[in-house]
Amino acid sequence: MQLIAYLHVTLAARLAELRREGDRGDSPVPTAVIIFGLVAAAIAVTGLVMTRATDWMDSVPTAP
């Protein structure tokens, strides 16, 4: 029974501490914008590399 009382008091104290703290971190919007920008850049780089590779492969002479 003492363990349950201890856990209850500890949990209540931690929840009260979390409610008091005003700083809860950054909002998810800037993170989502950064991720979207990185994905867009990765797609652009992948497209550029694929185009260059295709052009290079097309310029290689074929065997007679």
PDB file of N, CA and C in Angstrom:
ATOM      1  N   MET A   1       0.817  -1.192   0.000  1.00  0.00           N
ATOM      2  CA  MET A   1       0.000   0.000   0.000  1.00  0.00           C
ATOM      3  C   MET A   1       0.865   1.261   0.000  1.00  0.00           C
ATOM      4  N   GLN A   2       2.012   1.193   0.658  1.00  0.00           N
ATOM      5  CA  GLN A   2       2.890   2.356   0.681  1.00  0.00           C
ATOM      6  C   GLN A   2       3.423   2.668  -0.710  1.00  0.00           C
ATOM      7  N   LEU A   3       3.679   1.627  -1.502  1.00  0.00           N
ATOM      8  CA  LEU A   3       4.188   1.838  -2.859  1.00  0.00           C
ATOM      9  C   LEU A   3       3.157   2.577  -3.711  1.00  0.00           C
ATOM     10  N   ILE A   4       1.904   2.193  -3.588  1.00  0.00           N
ATOM     11  CA  ILE A   4       0.845   2.855  -4.357  1.00  0.00           C
ATOM     12  C   ILE A   4       0.714   4.313  -3.940  1.00  0.00           C
ATOM     13  N   ALA A   5       0.778   4.590  -2.640  1.00  0.00           N
ATOM     14  CA  ALA A   5       0.700   5.971  -2.157  1.00  0.00           C
ATOM     15  C   ALA A   5       1.890   6.783  -2.660  1.00  0.00           C
ATOM     16  N   TYR A   6       3.079   6.181  -2.621  1.00  0.00           N
ATOM     17  CA  TYR A   6       4.283   6.871  -3.109  1.00  0.00           C
ATOM     18  C   TYR A   6       4.152   7.189  -4.597  1.00  0.00           C
ATOM     19  N   LEU A   7       3.713   6.213  -5.385  1.00  0.00           N
ATOM     20  CA  LEU A   7       3.555   6.439  -6.819  1.00  0.00           C
ATOM     21  C   LEU A   7       2.509   7.510  -7.107  1.00  0.00           C
ATOM     22  N   HIS A   8       1.429   7.513  -6.333  1.00  0.00           N
ATOM     23  CA  HIS A   8       0.386   8.525  -6.515  1.00  0.00           C
ATOM     24  C   HIS A   8       0.926   9.922  -6.222  1.00  0.00           C
ATOM     25  N   VAL A   9       1.636  10.069  -5.133  1.00  0.00           N
ATOM     26  CA  VAL A   9       2.193  11.379  -4.757  1.00  0.00           C
ATOM     27  C   VAL A   9       3.230  11.823  -5.787  1.00  0.00           C
ATOM     28  N   THR A  10       4.074  10.913  -6.228  1.00  0.00           N
ATOM     29  CA  THR A  10       5.101  11.247  -7.218  1.00  0.00           C
ATOM     30  C   THR A  10       4.478  11.672  -8.539  1.00  0.00           C
ATOM     31  N   LEU A  11       3.469  10.924  -8.980  1.00  0.00           N
ATOM     32  CA  LEU A  11       2.795  11.265 -10.233  1.00  0.00           C
ATOM     33  C   LEU A  11       2.077  12.599 -10.126  1.00  0.00           C
ATOM     34  N   ALA A  12       1.400  12.837  -9.023  1.00  0.00           N
ATOM     35  CA  ALA A  12       0.696  14.103  -8.831  1.00  0.00           C
ATOM     36  C   ALA A  12       1.675  15.276  -8.827  1.00  0.00           C
ATOM     37  N   ALA A  13       2.817  15.103  -8.171  1.00  0.00           N
ATOM     38  CA  ALA A  13       3.818  16.173  -8.123  1.00  0.00           C
ATOM     39  C   ALA A  13       4.385  16.449  -9.511  1.00  0.00           C
ATOM     40  N   ARG A  14       4.650  15.394 -10.273  1.00  0.00           N
ATOM     41  CA  ARG A  14       5.206  15.578 -11.624  1.00  0.00           C
ATOM     42  C   ARG A  14       4.203  16.258 -12.547  1.00  0.00           C
ATOM     43  N   LEU A  15       2.941  15.850 -12.473  1.00  0.00           N
ATOM     44  CA  LEU A  15       1.915  16.487 -13.302  1.00  0.00           C
ATOM     45  C   LEU A  15       1.737  17.955 -12.940  1.00  0.00           C
ATOM     46  N   ALA A  16       1.799  18.276 -11.653  1.00  0.00           N
ATOM     47  CA  ALA A  16       1.704  19.678 -11.225  1.00  0.00           C
ATOM     48  C   ALA A  16       2.886  20.477 -11.747  1.00  0.00           C
ATOM     49  N   GLU A  17       4.061  19.879 -11.737  1.00  0.00           N
ATOM     50  CA  GLU A  17       5.258  20.563 -12.255  1.00  0.00           C
ATOM     51  C   GLU A  17       5.132  20.817 -13.758  1.00  0.00           C
ATOM     52  N   LEU A  18       4.614  19.842 -14.486  1.00  0.00           N
ATOM     53  CA  LEU A  18       4.448  20.012 -15.930  1.00  0.00           C
ATOM     54  C   LEU A  18       3.419  21.088 -16.255  1.00  0.00           C
ATOM     55  N   ARG A  19       2.394  21.211 -15.434  1.00  0.00           N
ATOM     56  CA  ARG A  19       1.377  22.241 -15.674  1.00  0.00           C
ATOM     57  C   ARG A  19       1.923  23.639 -15.400  1.00  0.00           C
ATOM     58  N   ARG A  20       2.841  23.746 -14.446  1.00  0.00           N
ATOM     59  CA  ARG A  20       3.420  25.055 -14.099  1.00  0.00           C
ATOM     60  C   ARG A  20       4.365  25.561 -15.173  1.00  0.00           C
ATOM     61  N   GLU A  21       5.090  24.675 -15.809  1.00  0.00           N
ATOM     62  CA  GLU A  21       6.085  25.094 -16.788  1.00  0.00           C
ATOM     63  C   GLU A  21       5.391  25.624 -18.040  1.00  0.00           C
ATOM     64  N   GLY A  22       5.734  26.857 -18.426  1.00  0.00           N
ATOM     65  CA  GLY A  22       5.124  27.453 -19.601  1.00  0.00           C
ATOM     66  C   GLY A  22       5.796  27.038 -20.899  1.00  0.00           C
ATOM     67  N   ASP A  23       7.064  26.690 -20.823  1.00  0.00           N
ATOM     68  CA  ASP A  23       7.803  26.335 -22.032  1.00  0.00           C
ATOM     69  C   ASP A  23       7.603  24.855 -22.338  1.00  0.00           C
ATOM     70  N   ARG A  24       6.929  24.587 -23.418  1.00  0.00           N
ATOM     71  CA  ARG A  24       6.676  23.195 -23.810  1.00  0.00           C
ATOM     72  C   ARG A  24       7.341  22.869 -25.126  1.00  0.00           C
ATOM     73  N   GLY A  25       8.312  23.648 -25.538  1.00  0.00           N
ATOM     74  CA  GLY A  25       9.026  23.348 -26.772  1.00  0.00           C
ATOM     75  C   GLY A  25       8.474  24.125 -27.953  1.00  0.00           C
ATOM     76  N   ASP A  26       9.002  23.810 -29.085  1.00  0.00           N
ATOM     77  CA  ASP A  26       8.641  24.482 -30.325  1.00  0.00           C
ATOM     78  C   ASP A  26       7.349  23.898 -30.881  1.00  0.00           C
ATOM     79  N   SER A  27       6.603  24.735 -31.604  1.00  0.00           N
ATOM     80  CA  SER A  27       5.382  24.223 -32.220  1.00  0.00           C
ATOM     81  C   SER A  27       5.752  23.352 -33.414  1.00  0.00           C
ATOM     82  N   PRO A  28       4.870  22.468 -33.832  1.00  0.00           N
ATOM     83  CA  PRO A  28       5.202  21.555 -34.927  1.00  0.00           C
ATOM     84  C   PRO A  28       5.211  22.210 -36.304  1.00  0.00           C
ATOM     85  N   VAL A  29       4.679  23.419 -36.425  1.00  0.00           N
ATOM     86  CA  VAL A  29       4.592  24.059 -37.742  1.00  0.00           C
ATOM     87  C   VAL A  29       5.970  24.355 -38.337  1.00  0.00           C
ATOM     88  N   PRO A  30       6.896  25.000 -37.620  1.00  0.00           N
ATOM     89  CA  PRO A  30       8.216  25.235 -38.220  1.00  0.00           C
ATOM     90  C   PRO A  30       8.942  23.934 -38.575  1.00  0.00           C
ATOM     91  N   THR A  31       8.766  22.921 -37.761  1.00  0.00           N
ATOM     92  CA  THR A  31       9.396  21.638 -38.052  1.00  0.00           C
ATOM     93  C   THR A  31       8.825  21.053 -39.334  1.00  0.00           C
ATOM     94  N   ALA A  32       7.506  21.143 -39.507  1.00  0.00           N
ATOM     95  CA  ALA A  32       6.874  20.629 -40.725  1.00  0.00           C
ATOM     96  C   ALA A  32       7.338  21.411 -41.949  1.00  0.00           C
ATOM     97  N   VAL A  33       7.508  22.714 -41.819  1.00  0.00           N
ATOM     98  CA  VAL A  33       7.977  23.533 -42.936  1.00  0.00           C
ATOM     99  C   VAL A  33       9.403  23.149 -43.316  1.00  0.00           C
ATOM    100  N   ILE A  34      10.251  22.926 -42.326  1.00  0.00           N
ATOM    101  CA  ILE A  34      11.635  22.517 -42.594  1.00  0.00           C
ATOM    102  C   ILE A  34      11.659  21.162 -43.286  1.00  0.00           C
ATOM    103  N   ILE A  35      10.853  20.221 -42.786  1.00  0.00           N
ATOM    104  CA  ILE A  35      10.810  18.895 -43.409  1.00  0.00           C
ATOM    105  C   ILE A  35      10.315  18.994 -44.838  1.00  0.00           C
ATOM    106  N   PHE A  36       9.282  19.799 -45.083  1.00  0.00           N
ATOM    107  CA  PHE A  36       8.769  19.974 -46.431  1.00  0.00           C
ATOM    108  C   PHE A  36       9.845  20.545 -47.354  1.00  0.00           C
ATOM    109  N   GLY A  37      10.606  21.518 -46.869  1.00  0.00           N
ATOM    110  CA  GLY A  37      11.684  22.094 -47.671  1.00  0.00           C
ATOM    111  C   GLY A  37      12.766  21.077 -47.987  1.00  0.00           C
ATOM    112  N   LEU A  38      13.127  20.263 -47.008  1.00  0.00           N
ATOM    113  CA  LEU A  38      14.147  19.238 -47.244  1.00  0.00           C
ATOM    114  C   LEU A  38      13.659  18.186 -48.237  1.00  0.00           C
ATOM    115  N   VAL A  39      12.397  17.806 -48.149  1.00  0.00           N
ATOM    116  CA  VAL A  39      11.840  16.831 -49.095  1.00  0.00           C
ATOM    117  C   VAL A  39      11.817  17.414 -50.500  1.00  0.00           C
ATOM    118  N   ALA A  40      11.424  18.681 -50.630  1.00  0.00           N
ATOM    119  CA  ALA A  40      11.410  19.326 -51.943  1.00  0.00           C
ATOM    120  C   ALA A  40      12.814  19.392 -52.537  1.00  0.00           C
ATOM    121  N   ALA A  41      13.800  19.720 -51.717  1.00  0.00           N
ATOM    122  CA  ALA A  41      15.184  19.766 -52.197  1.00  0.00           C
ATOM    123  C   ALA A  41      15.662  18.375 -52.603  1.00  0.00           C
ATOM    124  N   ALA A  42      15.303  17.357 -51.839  1.00  0.00           N
ATOM    125  CA  ALA A  42      15.707  15.990 -52.175  1.00  0.00           C
ATOM    126  C   ALA A  42      15.069  15.536 -53.486  1.00  0.00           C
ATOM    127  N   ILE A  43      13.813  15.895 -53.700  1.00  0.00           N
ATOM    128  CA  ILE A  43      13.150  15.535 -54.960  1.00  0.00           C
ATOM    129  C   ILE A  43      13.821  16.239 -56.138  1.00  0.00           C
ATOM    130  N   ALA A  44      14.170  17.512 -55.956  1.00  0.00           N
ATOM    131  CA  ALA A  44      14.832  18.253 -57.034  1.00  0.00           C
ATOM    132  C   ALA A  44      16.198  17.652 -57.353  1.00  0.00           C
ATOM    133  N   VAL A  45      16.971  17.329 -56.337  1.00  0.00           N
ATOM    134  CA  VAL A  45      18.299  16.737 -56.555  1.00  0.00           C
ATOM    135  C   VAL A  45      18.164  15.366 -57.214  1.00  0.00           C
ATOM    136  N   THR A  46      17.208  14.573 -56.768  1.00  0.00           N
ATOM    137  CA  THR A  46      16.998  13.257 -57.365  1.00  0.00           C
ATOM    138  C   THR A  46      16.612  13.378 -58.834  1.00  0.00           C
ATOM    139  N   GLY A  47      15.745  14.310 -59.156  1.00  0.00           N
ATOM    140  CA  GLY A  47      15.357  14.533 -60.547  1.00  0.00           C
ATOM    141  C   GLY A  47      16.525  14.975 -61.403  1.00  0.00           C
ATOM    142  N   LEU A  48      17.352  15.875 -60.871  1.00  0.00           N
ATOM    143  CA  LEU A  48      18.518  16.347 -61.609  1.00  0.00           C
ATOM    144  C   LEU A  48      19.505  15.211 -61.853  1.00  0.00           C
ATOM    145  N   VAL A  49      19.775  14.428 -60.836  1.00  0.00           N
ATOM    146  CA  VAL A  49      20.709  13.310 -60.982  1.00  0.00           C
ATOM    147  C   VAL A  49      20.157  12.286 -61.968  1.00  0.00           C
ATOM    148  N   MET A  50      18.876  12.005 -61.902  1.00  0.00           N
ATOM    149  CA  MET A  50      18.275  11.033 -62.810  1.00  0.00           C
ATOM    150  C   MET A  50      18.341  11.528 -64.261  1.00  0.00           C
ATOM    151  N   THR A  51      18.097  12.810 -64.472  1.00  0.00           N
ATOM    152  CA  THR A  51      18.187  13.369 -65.823  1.00  0.00           C
ATOM    153  C   THR A  51      19.610  13.295 -66.350  1.00  0.00           C
ATOM    154  N   ARG A  52      20.568  13.697 -65.515  1.00  0.00           N
ATOM    155  CA  ARG A  52      21.975  13.637 -65.946  1.00  0.00           C
ATOM    156  C   ARG A  52      22.412  12.202 -66.223  1.00  0.00           C
ATOM    157  N   ALA A  53      22.000  11.265 -65.396  1.00  0.00           N
ATOM    158  CA  ALA A  53      22.385   9.868 -65.588  1.00  0.00           C
ATOM    159  C   ALA A  53      21.762   9.308 -66.865  1.00  0.00           C
ATOM    160  N   THR A  54      20.506   9.658 -67.117  1.00  0.00           N
ATOM    161  CA  THR A  54      19.842   9.180 -68.328  1.00  0.00           C
ATOM    162  C   THR A  54      20.520   9.746 -69.572  1.00  0.00           C
ATOM    163  N   ASP A  55      20.850  11.036 -69.553  1.00  0.00           N
ATOM    164  CA  ASP A  55      21.548  11.647 -70.686  1.00  0.00           C
ATOM    165  C   ASP A  55      22.916  10.998 -70.902  1.00  0.00           C
ATOM    166  N   TRP A  56      23.631  10.726 -69.824  1.00  0.00           N
ATOM    167  CA  TRP A  56      24.939  10.105 -69.934  1.00  0.00           C
ATOM    168  C   TRP A  56      24.819   8.687 -70.485  1.00  0.00           C
ATOM    169  N   MET A  57      23.824   7.935 -70.015  1.00  0.00           N
ATOM    170  CA  MET A  57      23.625   6.568 -70.500  1.00  0.00           C
ATOM    171  C   MET A  57      23.235   6.569 -71.979  1.00  0.00           C
ATOM    172  N   ASP A  58      22.452   7.570 -72.406  1.00  0.00           N
ATOM    173  CA  ASP A  58      22.051   7.652 -73.814  1.00  0.00           C
ATOM    174  C   ASP A  58      23.232   8.020 -74.720  1.00  0.00           C
ATOM    175  N   SER A  59      24.220   8.719 -74.166  1.00  0.00           N
ATOM    176  CA  SER A  59      25.357   9.131 -74.983  1.00  0.00           C
ATOM    177  C   SER A  59      26.416   8.038 -75.124  1.00  0.00           C
ATOM    178  N   VAL A  60      26.318   6.971 -74.347  1.00  0.00           N
ATOM    179  CA  VAL A  60      27.280   5.871 -74.442  1.00  0.00           C
ATOM    180  C   VAL A  60      27.010   5.105 -75.736  1.00  0.00           C
ATOM    181  N   PRO A  61      28.039   4.893 -76.555  1.00  0.00           N
ATOM    182  CA  PRO A  61      27.806   4.174 -77.808  1.00  0.00           C
ATOM    183  C   PRO A  61      27.464   2.704 -77.546  1.00  0.00           C
ATOM    184  N   THR A  62      26.621   2.181 -78.407  1.00  0.00           N
ATOM    185  CA  THR A  62      26.224   0.775 -78.271  1.00  0.00           C
ATOM    186  C   THR A  62      27.150  -0.099 -79.106  1.00  0.00           C
ATOM    187  N   ALA A  63      27.183  -1.360 -78.768  1.00  0.00           N
ATOM    188  CA  ALA A  63      28.031  -2.300 -79.515  1.00  0.00           C
ATOM    189  C   ALA A  63      27.416  -2.560 -80.894  1.00  0.00           C
ATOM    190  N   PRO A  64      28.282  -2.792 -81.898  1.00  0.00           N
ATOM    191  CA  PRO A  64      27.744  -3.013 -83.257  1.00  0.00           C
ATOM    192  C   PRO A  64      27.029  -4.318 -83.406  1.00  0.00           C
TER     193      PRO A  64
END
